[in-house]
Protein backbone atom coordinates (compact mmCIF):
# COMPACT_ATOMS: atom_id res chain seq x y z
CA MET A 1 8.53 -7.44 -21.10
CA GLN A 2 6.39 -3.97 -20.01
CA ILE A 3 7.18 -2.10 -17.10
CA LEU A 4 4.19 -1.89 -14.59
CA ASP A 5 4.68 1.85 -14.36
CA GLY A 6 3.51 3.05 -10.92
CA LYS A 7 4.06 7.00 -11.70
CA ILE A 8 1.65 6.70 -14.81
CA VAL A 9 -0.77 4.94 -12.99
CA SER A 10 -0.83 6.53 -9.92
CA GLN A 11 -1.10 10.01 -11.70
CA ALA A 12 -4.25 8.50 -13.57
CA VAL A 13 -5.73 7.55 -10.41
CA LYS A 14 -4.87 11.40 -9.01
CA ASP A 15 -6.36 12.89 -11.79
CA ALA A 16 -9.78 10.86 -11.87
CA ILE A 17 -9.99 12.05 -7.80
CA LYS A 18 -8.84 15.50 -8.69
CA ILE A 19 -11.77 15.67 -11.33
CA LYS A 20 -14.54 14.19 -8.61
CA THR A 21 -13.16 16.57 -5.50
CA ASP A 22 -13.54 19.34 -7.96
CA ALA A 23 -16.89 18.38 -8.98
CA ALA A 24 -17.91 17.80 -5.23
CA LYS A 25 -16.75 21.20 -4.20
CA SER A 26 -18.61 23.34 -7.21
CA ALA A 27 -21.58 21.28 -5.84
CA GLY A 28 -20.97 22.63 -2.15
CA LYS A 29 -19.91 19.12 -1.00
CA LYS A 30 -17.20 18.51 1.61
CA THR A 31 -13.62 18.79 0.45
CA PRO A 32 -12.06 15.46 1.77
CA HIS A 33 -9.72 15.99 4.92
CA LEU A 34 -6.82 13.58 5.88
CA ALA A 35 -5.10 13.51 9.18
CA ALA A 36 -1.74 12.01 9.35
CA ILE A 37 0.00 11.43 13.06
CA LEU A 38 3.98 11.44 12.34
CA VAL A 39 5.83 10.10 15.86
CA GLY A 40 9.41 10.85 15.93
CA SER A 41 11.62 11.75 13.12
CA ASN A 42 12.38 8.59 11.33
CA GLY A 43 13.90 9.53 8.06
CA ALA A 44 11.66 7.00 5.82
CA SER A 45 8.74 8.30 7.59
CA GLU A 46 9.41 11.56 7.28
CA THR A 47 9.47 11.08 3.45
CA TYR A 48 6.27 9.03 3.26
CA VAL A 49 4.42 11.52 5.12
CA ALA A 50 5.37 14.36 3.18
CA SER A 51 4.77 12.67 0.02
CA LYS A 52 1.19 11.98 1.20
CA VAL A 53 0.62 15.47 2.17
CA LYS A 54 1.90 16.78 -1.07
CA SER A 55 -0.46 14.41 -2.86
CA CYS A 56 -3.15 15.45 -0.98
CA GLU A 57 -2.39 19.07 -2.05
CA GLU A 58 -2.47 17.66 -5.80
CA VAL A 59 -5.72 16.64 -5.51
CA GLY A 60 -7.27 19.21 -3.46
CA PHE A 61 -7.77 17.44 -0.37
CA LYS A 62 -7.39 19.42 2.69
CA SER A 63 -4.46 17.60 5.13
CA SER A 64 -3.02 17.89 8.78
CA LEU A 65 0.18 16.60 9.84
CA ILE A 66 0.37 16.19 13.54
CA ARG A 67 4.21 15.98 14.60
CA LEU A 68 4.63 14.12 18.13
CA ALA A 69 8.13 13.33 19.91
CA ASP A 70 9.40 9.86 19.71
CA THR A 71 9.38 9.91 23.71
CA ILE A 72 5.25 10.23 23.51
CA THR A 73 3.38 8.00 25.81
CA GLU A 74 0.91 5.55 24.30
CA ALA A 75 -1.87 7.73 26.49
CA GLU A 76 -0.79 10.79 24.84
CA LEU A 77 -0.94 9.04 21.27
CA ILE A 78 -4.60 7.67 22.31
CA THR A 79 -5.73 11.26 23.27
CA ALA A 80 -4.41 12.53 19.85
CA ILE A 81 -6.37 9.88 17.79
CA GLU A 82 -9.61 10.38 20.21
CA GLU A 83 -9.30 13.94 19.05
CA LEU A 84 -9.45 13.14 15.38
CA ASN A 85 -12.13 10.31 15.72
CA ALA A 86 -14.38 13.22 17.22
CA ASP A 87 -13.17 15.81 14.86
CA LEU A 88 -16.17 15.96 11.98
CA ASP A 89 -14.04 17.84 9.47
CA VAL A 90 -11.54 14.77 9.22
CA ASP A 91 -12.43 12.04 7.01
CA GLY A 92 -9.40 9.89 7.11
CA ILE A 93 -6.77 9.13 9.79
CA LEU A 94 -3.26 7.70 9.02
CA VAL A 95 -0.92 6.72 11.78
CA GLN A 96 2.58 6.65 10.01
CA LEU A 97 4.24 3.35 11.08
CA PRO A 98 6.66 2.13 12.59
CA LEU A 99 5.81 3.43 16.20
CA PRO A 100 8.29 3.70 19.00
CA LYS A 101 8.78 0.30 21.30
CA GLN A 102 6.85 1.98 23.92
CA ILE A 103 3.42 1.83 22.03
CA SER A 104 1.54 -1.28 20.70
CA GLU A 105 0.69 -0.78 17.08
CA ALA A 106 -1.99 -3.15 17.08
CA LYS A 107 -3.84 -1.29 20.03
CA ILE A 108 -3.27 2.14 18.24
CA ILE A 109 -4.89 0.95 14.89
CA GLY A 110 -7.58 -0.50 16.57
CA LEU A 111 -8.73 3.00 18.04
CA ILE A 112 -8.98 4.79 15.02
CA HIS A 113 -12.89 4.54 13.88
CA PRO A 114 -13.45 2.13 11.29
CA ASP A 115 -15.02 4.95 9.27
CA LYS A 116 -11.83 6.80 9.00
CA ASP A 117 -9.60 3.75 8.70
CA VAL A 118 -8.38 4.62 5.24
CA ASP A 119 -4.82 2.69 5.73
CA GLY A 120 -7.36 -0.23 5.85
CA PHE A 121 -5.49 -1.96 8.69
CA HIS A 122 -8.75 -1.94 11.71
CA PRO A 123 -9.87 -5.36 12.42
CA MET A 124 -13.31 -4.28 11.59
CA SER A 125 -11.85 -3.32 8.04
CA ILE A 126 -10.07 -6.53 7.40
CA GLY A 127 -13.11 -8.52 8.62
CA LYS A 128 -15.21 -6.84 5.90
CA MET A 129 -12.60 -7.44 3.31
CA VAL A 130 -12.31 -11.41 3.89
CA GLN A 131 -16.31 -11.44 3.68
CA GLY A 132 -16.29 -9.78 0.45
CA LEU A 133 -17.98 -6.57 2.11
CA PRO A 134 -17.68 -3.11 1.17
CA THR A 135 -14.75 -1.46 3.27
CA PHE A 136 -11.51 0.09 3.28
CA ILE A 137 -8.79 -2.05 1.37
CA PRO A 138 -5.25 -1.88 2.85
CA ALA A 139 -3.60 0.79 0.70
CA THR A 140 -0.85 -1.26 -0.70
CA PRO A 141 -2.97 -4.23 -1.93
CA TYR A 142 -5.40 -1.60 -3.02
CA GLY A 143 -2.76 0.14 -5.22
CA ILE A 144 -1.61 -3.14 -6.67
CA LEU A 145 -5.06 -3.84 -7.80
CA LEU A 146 -5.71 -0.64 -9.14
CA MET A 147 -2.05 -1.33 -11.28
CA LEU A 148 -3.49 -4.49 -12.47
CA GLU A 149 -6.63 -3.50 -13.63
CA HIS A 150 -5.06 -0.22 -15.37
CA TYR A 151 -2.88 -2.64 -17.43
CA LYS A 152 -5.79 -4.89 -17.73
CA ILE A 153 -3.66 -7.85 -16.87
CA ASP A 154 -5.52 -11.26 -17.28
CA THR A 155 -5.63 -12.75 -13.40
CA LYS A 156 -8.79 -15.46 -13.83
CA GLY A 157 -7.75 -18.91 -13.43
CA LYS A 158 -3.94 -17.94 -12.75
CA HIS A 159 -1.83 -19.07 -10.04
CA ALA A 160 -0.78 -16.37 -7.96
CA VAL A 161 2.24 -16.78 -5.57
CA VAL A 162 2.54 -14.25 -2.72
CA ILE A 163 6.09 -14.44 -0.75
CA GLY A 164 5.23 -12.88 2.50
CA ARG A 165 2.26 -13.19 4.92
CA SER A 166 2.24 -9.47 6.77
CA ASN A 167 -0.99 -8.41 7.70
CA ILE A 168 -0.04 -5.24 5.69
CA VAL A 169 0.51 -6.78 2.46
CA GLY A 170 0.79 -10.35 2.11
CA ARG A 171 -2.21 -11.83 3.70
CA PRO A 172 -4.63 -9.28 2.27
CA ILE A 173 -3.10 -9.33 -1.27
CA SER A 174 -3.62 -12.96 -0.92
CA ILE A 175 -7.15 -12.78 -0.15
CA LEU A 176 -8.42 -10.46 -2.77
CA LEU A 177 -6.43 -11.98 -5.44
CA SER A 178 -8.71 -14.92 -4.49
CA ARG A 179 -11.95 -13.25 -4.65
CA ASN A 180 -14.46 -13.77 -6.95
CA ALA A 181 -13.91 -10.27 -8.50
CA TYR A 182 -11.57 -8.29 -11.12
CA PRO A 183 -8.91 -8.17 -10.55
CA GLY A 184 -9.12 -11.67 -8.64
CA ASN A 185 -10.19 -15.54 -9.39
CA CYS A 186 -6.70 -16.43 -8.89
CA THR A 187 -5.73 -19.85 -7.44
CA VAL A 188 -3.23 -18.23 -4.38
CA THR A 189 -0.06 -19.91 -2.89
CA VAL A 190 1.15 -18.01 0.29
CA CYS A 191 4.58 -18.65 1.00
CA HIS A 192 6.95 -17.43 3.89
CA SER A 193 10.56 -17.77 5.56
CA HIS A 194 9.56 -21.36 6.57
CA THR A 195 8.25 -22.47 2.94
CA HIS A 196 9.94 -25.80 1.64
CA ASN A 197 10.37 -25.72 -2.17
CA LEU A 198 9.89 -22.29 -2.60
CA LYS A 199 12.11 -22.45 -5.73
CA GLU A 200 9.82 -24.83 -7.37
CA ILE A 201 6.46 -23.01 -5.78
CA CYS A 202 7.50 -19.87 -7.59
CA LEU A 203 8.34 -21.37 -10.68
CA GLN A 204 4.88 -22.43 -11.30
CA ALA A 205 3.38 -18.97 -10.66
CA ASP A 206 1.60 -16.91 -13.30
CA ILE A 207 2.11 -13.96 -10.90
CA ILE A 208 4.39 -13.34 -8.02
CA VAL A 209 3.87 -10.74 -5.49
CA ALA A 210 6.92 -10.21 -3.73
CA ALA A 211 6.84 -8.68 -0.34
CA LEU A 212 9.14 -10.15 2.35
CA GLY A 213 11.46 -7.11 2.70
CA ILE A 214 14.62 -8.95 1.73
CA PRO A 215 16.46 -7.15 -1.32
CA GLY A 216 17.22 -9.12 -4.30
CA PHE A 217 15.57 -12.34 -2.94
CA LEU A 218 13.23 -12.93 -5.86
CA THR A 219 16.12 -14.10 -8.51
CA ALA A 220 15.50 -15.14 -12.47
CA ASP A 221 15.87 -18.78 -11.73
CA MET A 222 12.86 -18.59 -9.31
CA VAL A 223 10.51 -17.16 -12.32
CA LYS A 224 8.89 -18.55 -15.50
CA GLU A 225 8.89 -17.23 -18.82
CA ASN A 226 6.19 -14.59 -19.14
CA ALA A 227 5.41 -14.21 -15.39
CA VAL A 228 3.91 -11.30 -14.05
CA VAL A 229 6.10 -9.80 -10.95
CA VAL A 230 4.83 -7.04 -8.48
CA ASP A 231 7.58 -6.33 -6.30
CA VAL A 232 6.34 -4.89 -2.89
CA GLY A 233 9.85 -4.53 -1.41
CA ILE A 234 11.34 -1.34 -0.45
CA THR A 235 14.50 -1.21 1.80
CA ARG A 236 17.21 1.38 1.93
CA VAL A 237 20.80 -0.02 1.12
CA LYS A 238 24.28 1.54 1.95
CA ASP A 239 25.42 2.72 -1.63
CA ASP A 240 28.47 5.19 -1.37
CA THR A 241 28.16 5.86 -5.07
CA LYS A 242 24.97 7.48 -4.57
CA LYS A 243 24.88 11.40 -2.87
CA SER A 244 22.25 10.15 -0.40
CA GLY A 245 24.72 7.25 0.91
CA PHE A 246 21.97 4.70 0.31
CA ALA A 247 20.12 3.20 -2.92
CA ILE A 248 16.44 1.97 -2.50
CA LYS A 249 15.89 -1.69 -3.40
CA GLY A 250 13.01 -4.13 -3.90
CA ASP A 251 12.63 -7.55 -2.80
CA VAL A 252 13.22 -8.96 -6.76
CA ASP A 253 16.57 -8.95 -8.75
CA PHE A 254 15.25 -6.65 -11.37
CA ALA A 255 18.02 -6.36 -13.96
CA ASN A 256 17.80 -10.40 -14.09
CA VAL A 257 14.31 -11.08 -13.95
CA ALA A 258 12.72 -8.60 -15.96
CA PRO A 259 13.74 -10.12 -19.12
CA LYS A 260 11.85 -13.16 -18.36
CA CYS A 261 8.59 -11.26 -17.36
CA SER A 262 5.54 -10.12 -19.00
CA TYR A 263 5.26 -7.29 -16.71
CA ILE A 264 7.04 -5.98 -13.86
CA THR A 265 7.24 -3.42 -11.38
CA PRO A 266 10.39 -1.09 -10.80
CA VAL A 267 11.47 -0.01 -7.47
CA PRO A 268 11.20 2.56 -7.00
CA GLY A 269 8.62 4.03 -9.41
CA GLY A 270 6.27 0.96 -8.46
CA VAL A 271 3.74 -0.09 -5.86
CA GLY A 272 4.93 2.65 -3.47
CA LEU A 273 3.49 5.10 -5.44
CA MET A 274 0.20 3.17 -6.09
CA THR A 275 -0.04 2.96 -2.22
CA ILE A 276 -0.33 6.69 -1.93
CA ALA A 277 -3.03 6.83 -4.70
CA ALA A 278 -5.05 4.32 -2.91
CA LEU A 279 -5.15 5.98 0.18
CA LEU A 280 -6.43 9.11 -1.50
CA MET A 281 -9.18 7.04 -3.16
CA ASN A 282 -10.01 5.72 0.31
CA THR A 283 -10.34 8.90 1.81
CA PHE A 284 -12.23 10.28 -1.01
CA ASN A 285 -14.54 7.58 -0.26
CA ALA A 286 -14.68 8.06 3.46
CA CYS A 287 -15.64 11.50 2.73
CA GLU A 288 -18.52 10.50 0.09
CA GLN A 289 -19.80 8.07 2.40
CA LYS A 290 -20.82 10.86 5.24
């Protein structure tokens, strides 16, 4: 069993981006600039955005953090996005989800200019991805691809089972793993809460991507020997033994599943770090495309 170490791979990606960013600056080119909008004071969102801003500093990007109250109206948020769309210095726009209930996430995502959609959530970005055209790939699926590529994991002809069908992870990674490219060329089965015989389907899988948000859902009796398991889940679970009062758990029962795997991602320290690295890659490419 080998750990798919997000810390190692994300650092390798960031090191490569920093080299390219420094070279671009030396050549008199523009410095990539990521603008992040944070609505409210959700603890998890605060942590995620802080990590993204810190990562921008590490690779030499500019970053702007726009903080807005959770009482903000949809119209006010739209105005903030339109200002960033019009700002020629801003290359990428990130709106941290979830948003307050008075705001339509789908509407807000659709208002970000496709050329600045570094999260890869815009309908135009998704449409291009489905067609195999150059575009911004959603950050978490992109991070998974970068990880598989780094560890040179064979995907051609493999059976990949994706548990979860969200527009952020499940659907896009299922499309990407089935594309005629590397990593890809898998036969993909998408499972969800209404799937019958889920255990039997998972036992056929060479690669399992668990992305449904239920801690410890994937158990050892659902995984065949030498499978590759990618755990996208990240849930705060109450834990009085921790100073913070909670622990971070993935969708995989790691302790019992790991011994059966050829490769497996830990939580934390796996896909979450890769998501940020992929976001930086998208932002650098957005700047380059100008």
